[in-house]
Amino acid sequence: MRQNDRVPASRADNTAYEFTAELWEWDAKASWFFVTVPVEISDEIDARTHGLTNGFGSVRVRVRIGSSEWATSLFPDSKQQAYVLPIKKAVRVAEGIAPGDEARVRIELVDFS
């Protein structure tokens, strides 16, 4: 797993965040792919949603990478001290991204205005 807390991040509005992060594959039997939300943004999301998260500490979000948009959840990763965002195969294919590639990501918190 890679830390990307040095990646510049910008907030588009009160509940939306934009950042660039590297796609990585989880070391497990299943093929799960993620990007790590920068630590600064993860800390802000954690503070904003503290006590209001769903199962496993997940936070519901709307996501955009390129022209692909979908709803999913961020999940806390204790090793990285940051949230991770799963990137489904349809998005990886549509946007032409593979492990090691960087992607520009926009996330918007759902139900946390």
C-alpha atoms as a PDB file:
ATOM      1  CA  MET A   1       0.000   0.000   0.000  1.00  0.00           C
ATOM      2  CA  ARG A   2       1.123   3.505  -0.700  1.00  0.00           C
ATOM      3  CA  GLN A   3       0.733   6.669   1.293  1.00  0.00           C
ATOM      4  CA  ASN A   4      -0.134   9.721  -0.713  1.00  0.00           C
ATOM      5  CA  ASP A   5      -0.407  12.373   1.976  1.00  0.00           C
ATOM      6  CA  ARG A   6       1.968  14.568  -0.018  1.00  0.00           C
ATOM      7  CA  VAL A   7      -0.503  14.765  -2.899  1.00  0.00           C
ATOM      8  CA  PRO A   8      -1.962  18.275  -3.211  1.00  0.00           C
ATOM      9  CA  ALA A   9      -5.624  18.357  -2.316  1.00  0.00           C
ATOM     10  CA  SER A  10      -8.292  20.958  -2.830  1.00  0.00           C
ATOM     11  CA  ARG A  11     -11.823  21.336  -1.543  1.00  0.00           C
ATOM     12  CA  ALA A  12     -14.391  22.172  -4.186  1.00  0.00           C
ATOM     13  CA  ASP A  13     -17.116  23.007  -1.636  1.00  0.00           C
ATOM     14  CA  ASN A  14     -18.176  22.112   1.915  1.00  0.00           C
ATOM     15  CA  THR A  15     -18.744  18.419   1.244  1.00  0.00           C
ATOM     16  CA  ALA A  16     -16.581  17.775  -1.843  1.00  0.00           C
ATOM     17  CA  TYR A  17     -12.870  17.096  -2.117  1.00  0.00           C
ATOM     18  CA  GLU A  18     -10.522  16.663  -5.083  1.00  0.00           C
ATOM     19  CA  PHE A  19      -7.147  14.975  -5.110  1.00  0.00           C
ATOM     20  CA  THR A  20      -4.779  12.890  -7.222  1.00  0.00           C
ATOM     21  CA  ALA A  21      -3.857   9.420  -5.995  1.00  0.00           C
ATOM     22  CA  GLU A  22      -2.274   6.217  -7.212  1.00  0.00           C
ATOM     23  CA  LEU A  23      -4.400   3.138  -7.862  1.00  0.00           C
ATOM     24  CA  TRP A  24      -3.237   0.067  -5.914  1.00  0.00           C
ATOM     25  CA  GLU A  25      -4.356  -3.542  -5.506  1.00  0.00           C
ATOM     26  CA  TRP A  26      -5.182  -4.927  -2.075  1.00  0.00           C
ATOM     27  CA  ASP A  27      -2.977  -7.846  -1.015  1.00  0.00           C
ATOM     28  CA  ALA A  28      -5.684 -10.478  -0.636  1.00  0.00           C
ATOM     29  CA  LYS A  29      -7.205 -13.398  -2.493  1.00  0.00           C
ATOM     30  CA  ALA A  30      -9.861 -11.192  -4.084  1.00  0.00           C
ATOM     31  CA  SER A  31      -8.918  -8.518  -6.601  1.00  0.00           C
ATOM     32  CA  TRP A  32      -9.867  -5.258  -4.915  1.00  0.00           C
ATOM     33  CA  PHE A  33      -8.443  -1.976  -6.164  1.00  0.00           C
ATOM     34  CA  PHE A  34      -8.286   1.287  -4.236  1.00  0.00           C
ATOM     35  CA  VAL A  35      -6.929   4.789  -4.080  1.00  0.00           C
ATOM     36  CA  THR A  36      -5.956   6.243  -0.722  1.00  0.00           C
ATOM     37  CA  VAL A  37      -7.555   9.529   0.287  1.00  0.00           C
ATOM     38  CA  PRO A  38      -4.782  11.937   1.382  1.00  0.00           C
ATOM     39  CA  VAL A  39      -4.300  12.045   5.153  1.00  0.00           C
ATOM     40  CA  GLU A  40      -5.256  15.742   5.413  1.00  0.00           C
ATOM     41  CA  ILE A  41      -8.572  15.101   3.666  1.00  0.00           C
ATOM     42  CA  SER A  42      -9.144  11.852   5.581  1.00  0.00           C
ATOM     43  CA  ASP A  43      -8.661  13.694   8.867  1.00  0.00           C
ATOM     44  CA  GLU A  44     -11.184  16.351   7.852  1.00  0.00           C
ATOM     45  CA  ILE A  45     -13.731  13.752   6.727  1.00  0.00           C
ATOM     46  CA  ASP A  46     -13.233  11.828   9.972  1.00  0.00           C
ATOM     47  CA  ALA A  47     -13.812  14.979  12.035  1.00  0.00           C
ATOM     48  CA  ARG A  48     -16.886  15.901   9.998  1.00  0.00           C
ATOM     49  CA  THR A  49     -18.464  12.434  10.175  1.00  0.00           C
ATOM     50  CA  HIS A  50     -17.343  11.310  13.646  1.00  0.00           C
ATOM     51  CA  GLY A  51     -20.093   9.226  15.241  1.00  0.00           C
ATOM     52  CA  LEU A  52     -22.190   9.298  12.067  1.00  0.00           C
ATOM     53  CA  THR A  53     -20.505   6.587  10.003  1.00  0.00           C
ATOM     54  CA  ASN A  54     -22.007   3.337   8.730  1.00  0.00           C
ATOM     55  CA  GLY A  55     -20.772  -0.242   9.174  1.00  0.00           C
ATOM     56  CA  PHE A  56     -16.999  -0.702   9.468  1.00  0.00           C
ATOM     57  CA  GLY A  57     -16.688   3.085   9.891  1.00  0.00           C
ATOM     58  CA  SER A  58     -17.584   3.617   6.238  1.00  0.00           C
ATOM     59  CA  VAL A  59     -18.653   6.965   4.824  1.00  0.00           C
ATOM     60  CA  ARG A  60     -21.038   7.192   1.862  1.00  0.00           C
ATOM     61  CA  VAL A  61     -19.766   9.235  -1.083  1.00  0.00           C
ATOM     62  CA  ARG A  62     -20.427  10.139  -4.704  1.00  0.00           C
ATOM     63  CA  VAL A  63     -17.281   9.774  -6.799  1.00  0.00           C
ATOM     64  CA  ARG A  64     -16.048  11.074 -10.148  1.00  0.00           C
ATOM     65  CA  ILE A  65     -12.948   9.933 -11.995  1.00  0.00           C
ATOM     66  CA  GLY A  66     -12.792  11.271 -15.538  1.00  0.00           C
ATOM     67  CA  SER A  67     -16.285  10.914 -16.980  1.00  0.00           C
ATOM     68  CA  SER A  68     -17.251   8.046 -14.642  1.00  0.00           C
ATOM     69  CA  GLU A  69     -19.510   8.821 -11.669  1.00  0.00           C
ATOM     70  CA  TRP A  70     -20.880   6.399  -9.077  1.00  0.00           C
ATOM     71  CA  ALA A  71     -21.924   6.000  -5.449  1.00  0.00           C
ATOM     72  CA  THR A  72     -19.822   3.974  -3.004  1.00  0.00           C
ATOM     73  CA  SER A  73     -18.250   4.270   0.432  1.00  0.00           C
ATOM     74  CA  LEU A  74     -14.878   5.242   1.841  1.00  0.00           C
ATOM     75  CA  PHE A  75     -13.400   2.779   4.341  1.00  0.00           C
ATOM     76  CA  PRO A  76     -10.945   3.569   7.126  1.00  0.00           C
ATOM     77  CA  ASP A  77      -7.537   1.900   6.805  1.00  0.00           C
ATOM     78  CA  SER A  78      -5.723   1.760  10.141  1.00  0.00           C
ATOM     79  CA  LYS A  79      -2.364   0.943   8.532  1.00  0.00           C
ATOM     80  CA  GLN A  80      -2.398   4.106   6.432  1.00  0.00           C
ATOM     81  CA  GLN A  81      -4.320   6.217   8.952  1.00  0.00           C
ATOM     82  CA  ALA A  82      -6.501   7.320   6.038  1.00  0.00           C
ATOM     83  CA  TYR A  83      -9.638   6.371   4.153  1.00  0.00           C
ATOM     84  CA  VAL A  84      -9.431   4.166   1.083  1.00  0.00           C
ATOM     85  CA  LEU A  85     -11.775   4.353  -1.889  1.00  0.00           C
ATOM     86  CA  PRO A  86     -12.624   1.183  -3.851  1.00  0.00           C
ATOM     87  CA  ILE A  87     -12.425   1.593  -7.635  1.00  0.00           C
ATOM     88  CA  LYS A  88     -14.636  -0.886  -9.452  1.00  0.00           C
ATOM     89  CA  LYS A  89     -13.593  -2.653 -12.642  1.00  0.00           C
ATOM     90  CA  ALA A  90     -16.063  -0.799 -14.871  1.00  0.00           C
ATOM     91  CA  VAL A  91     -14.440   2.505 -13.868  1.00  0.00           C
ATOM     92  CA  ARG A  92     -10.886   1.198 -14.250  1.00  0.00           C
ATOM     93  CA  VAL A  93     -11.716  -0.028 -17.750  1.00  0.00           C
ATOM     94  CA  ALA A  94     -13.689   3.066 -18.796  1.00  0.00           C
ATOM     95  CA  GLU A  95     -10.971   5.436 -17.570  1.00  0.00           C
ATOM     96  CA  GLY A  96      -8.033   3.281 -18.677  1.00  0.00           C
ATOM     97  CA  ILE A  97      -6.375   3.128 -15.260  1.00  0.00           C
ATOM     98  CA  ALA A  98      -4.342   0.264 -13.828  1.00  0.00           C
ATOM     99  CA  PRO A  99      -2.385  -0.285 -10.605  1.00  0.00           C
ATOM    100  CA  GLY A 100       0.414   2.263 -10.399  1.00  0.00           C
ATOM    101  CA  ASP A 101      -1.464   4.864 -12.464  1.00  0.00           C
ATOM    102  CA  GLU A 102      -2.532   8.131 -10.896  1.00  0.00           C
ATOM    103  CA  ALA A 103      -6.131   9.277 -11.102  1.00  0.00           C
ATOM    104  CA  ARG A 104      -7.758  12.633 -10.424  1.00  0.00           C
ATOM    105  CA  VAL A 105     -10.569  11.906  -7.961  1.00  0.00           C
ATOM    106  CA  ARG A 106     -13.529  13.982  -6.801  1.00  0.00           C
ATOM    107  CA  ILE A 107     -15.498  12.728  -3.815  1.00  0.00           C
ATOM    108  CA  GLU A 108     -18.596  14.284  -2.303  1.00  0.00           C
ATOM    109  CA  LEU A 109     -19.900  13.249   1.084  1.00  0.00           C
ATOM    110  CA  VAL A 110     -23.482  11.964   1.008  1.00  0.00           C
ATOM    111  CA  ASP A 111     -25.816  12.876   3.889  1.00  0.00           C
ATOM    112  CA  PHE A 112     -23.192  15.064   5.622  1.00  0.00           C
ATOM    113  CA  SER A 113     -23.874  18.658   4.630  1.00  0.00           C
END
